[in-house]
Amino acid sequence: MEGPHRNIRRWDAGMLGVMAHLDPLLEEFFVALVTMTILAVIVAVLYRWVTGHSPWPYVIIAEVGAFGWGTVMLALSSPRGRR
């Protein structure tokens, strides 16, 4: 029987032990999320190191808004990969 179940069985056999591929936009979003997190930590640490003051609340609260915008901008403006 060659019906639609043939494709399902081939997919199951091909996915054993292999991580499923994410949607390219979702992959780009995760990369942007990690990038913005690293950038936020670097800015907070540099602020603390240069000024000697705690980055809370001014720098941290400003980073929260920039974090959202930056993540979206990086994810949407990244080059598209082909499947």
C-alpha atoms as a PDB file:
ATOM      1  CA  MET A   1       0.000   0.000   0.000  1.00  0.00           C
ATOM      2  CA  GLU A   2       1.718   3.152  -1.250  1.00  0.00           C
ATOM      3  CA  GLY A   3      -0.789   5.756   0.015  1.00  0.00           C
ATOM      4  CA  PRO A   4      -0.071   8.704   2.296  1.00  0.00           C
ATOM      5  CA  HIS A   5       1.347   6.436   5.016  1.00  0.00           C
ATOM      6  CA  ARG A   6       4.468   5.802   2.935  1.00  0.00           C
ATOM      7  CA  ASN A   7       5.576   9.407   3.464  1.00  0.00           C
ATOM      8  CA  ILE A   8       4.910   9.242   7.188  1.00  0.00           C
ATOM      9  CA  ARG A   9       7.000   6.092   7.561  1.00  0.00           C
ATOM     10  CA  ARG A  10       9.839   7.641   5.559  1.00  0.00           C
ATOM     11  CA  TRP A  11       9.701  10.769   7.746  1.00  0.00           C
ATOM     12  CA  ASP A  12       9.805   8.699  10.962  1.00  0.00           C
ATOM     13  CA  ALA A  13      12.759   6.664   9.704  1.00  0.00           C
ATOM     14  CA  GLY A  14      14.601   9.782   8.623  1.00  0.00           C
ATOM     15  CA  MET A  15      14.016  11.591  11.916  1.00  0.00           C
ATOM     16  CA  LEU A  16      15.269   8.851  14.246  1.00  0.00           C
ATOM     17  CA  GLY A  17      18.101  10.315  16.258  1.00  0.00           C
ATOM     18  CA  VAL A  18      18.022  13.603  14.340  1.00  0.00           C
ATOM     19  CA  MET A  19      16.695  16.884  15.685  1.00  0.00           C
ATOM     20  CA  ALA A  20      13.741  18.208  13.705  1.00  0.00           C
ATOM     21  CA  HIS A  21      14.455  21.289  11.612  1.00  0.00           C
ATOM     22  CA  LEU A  22      12.817  24.480  12.800  1.00  0.00           C
ATOM     23  CA  ASP A  23      11.175  27.048  10.611  1.00  0.00           C
ATOM     24  CA  PRO A  24      13.907  29.387   9.266  1.00  0.00           C
ATOM     25  CA  LEU A  25      12.230  32.450  10.787  1.00  0.00           C
ATOM     26  CA  LEU A  26      12.103  30.725  14.174  1.00  0.00           C
ATOM     27  CA  GLU A  27      15.793  29.815  13.906  1.00  0.00           C
ATOM     28  CA  GLU A  28      16.614  33.429  13.082  1.00  0.00           C
ATOM     29  CA  PHE A  29      14.515  34.567  16.042  1.00  0.00           C
ATOM     30  CA  PHE A  30      16.470  32.311  18.426  1.00  0.00           C
ATOM     31  CA  VAL A  31      19.784  33.601  17.066  1.00  0.00           C
ATOM     32  CA  ALA A  32      18.561  37.189  17.476  1.00  0.00           C
ATOM     33  CA  LEU A  33      17.380  36.382  21.016  1.00  0.00           C
ATOM     34  CA  VAL A  34      20.811  35.075  22.015  1.00  0.00           C
ATOM     35  CA  THR A  35      22.539  38.001  20.310  1.00  0.00           C
ATOM     36  CA  MET A  36      20.413  40.590  22.109  1.00  0.00           C
ATOM     37  CA  THR A  37      20.884  38.801  25.450  1.00  0.00           C
ATOM     38  CA  ILE A  38      24.662  38.865  25.053  1.00  0.00           C
ATOM     39  CA  LEU A  39      24.559  42.513  23.992  1.00  0.00           C
ATOM     40  CA  ALA A  40      22.387  43.449  26.998  1.00  0.00           C
ATOM     41  CA  VAL A  41      24.758  41.729  29.418  1.00  0.00           C
ATOM     42  CA  ILE A  42      27.794  43.423  27.843  1.00  0.00           C
ATOM     43  CA  VAL A  43      26.158  46.866  28.069  1.00  0.00           C
ATOM     44  CA  ALA A  44      25.154  46.347  31.715  1.00  0.00           C
ATOM     45  CA  VAL A  45      28.612  45.096  32.701  1.00  0.00           C
ATOM     46  CA  LEU A  46      30.366  47.922  30.837  1.00  0.00           C
ATOM     47  CA  TYR A  47      28.072  50.501  32.474  1.00  0.00           C
ATOM     48  CA  ARG A  48      28.880  49.092  35.899  1.00  0.00           C
ATOM     49  CA  TRP A  49      32.614  48.971  35.109  1.00  0.00           C
ATOM     50  CA  VAL A  50      32.854  52.495  33.641  1.00  0.00           C
ATOM     51  CA  THR A  51      30.601  54.375  36.073  1.00  0.00           C
ATOM     52  CA  GLY A  52      30.840  52.235  39.190  1.00  0.00           C
ATOM     53  CA  HIS A  53      27.070  52.535  39.633  1.00  0.00           C
ATOM     54  CA  SER A  54      24.482  49.805  39.459  1.00  0.00           C
ATOM     55  CA  PRO A  55      22.826  49.608  36.019  1.00  0.00           C
ATOM     56  CA  TRP A  56      19.448  49.209  37.716  1.00  0.00           C
ATOM     57  CA  PRO A  57      16.922  50.775  36.992  1.00  0.00           C
ATOM     58  CA  TYR A  58      17.893  53.067  34.113  1.00  0.00           C
ATOM     59  CA  VAL A  59      20.037  50.825  31.923  1.00  0.00           C
ATOM     60  CA  ILE A  60      18.152  47.598  32.638  1.00  0.00           C
ATOM     61  CA  ILE A  61      14.701  49.114  31.982  1.00  0.00           C
ATOM     62  CA  ALA A  62      15.944  50.753  28.769  1.00  0.00           C
ATOM     63  CA  GLU A  63      17.422  47.411  27.690  1.00  0.00           C
ATOM     64  CA  VAL A  64      14.069  45.647  28.096  1.00  0.00           C
ATOM     65  CA  GLY A  65      12.469  47.862  25.452  1.00  0.00           C
ATOM     66  CA  ALA A  66      15.523  47.695  23.208  1.00  0.00           C
ATOM     67  CA  PHE A  67      15.641  43.915  23.659  1.00  0.00           C
ATOM     68  CA  GLY A  68      12.224  43.441  22.066  1.00  0.00           C
ATOM     69  CA  TRP A  69      12.840  45.838  19.211  1.00  0.00           C
ATOM     70  CA  GLY A  70      16.334  44.545  18.555  1.00  0.00           C
ATOM     71  CA  THR A  71      15.236  40.911  18.506  1.00  0.00           C
ATOM     72  CA  VAL A  72      12.476  41.602  15.996  1.00  0.00           C
ATOM     73  CA  MET A  73      14.716  43.782  13.822  1.00  0.00           C
ATOM     74  CA  LEU A  74      17.504  41.190  13.748  1.00  0.00           C
ATOM     75  CA  ALA A  75      15.154  38.275  13.043  1.00  0.00           C
ATOM     76  CA  LEU A  76      13.275  40.018  10.254  1.00  0.00           C
ATOM     77  CA  SER A  77      16.266  41.618   8.557  1.00  0.00           C
ATOM     78  CA  SER A  78      18.498  38.552   8.450  1.00  0.00           C
ATOM     79  CA  PRO A  79      19.139  36.945   5.085  1.00  0.00           C
ATOM     80  CA  ARG A  80      16.802  34.135   4.173  1.00  0.00           C
ATOM     81  CA  GLY A  81      18.219  30.641   3.845  1.00  0.00           C
ATOM     82  CA  ARG A  82      16.938  28.103   1.367  1.00  0.00           C
ATOM     83  CA  ARG A  83      15.502  24.779   2.433  1.00  0.00           C
END
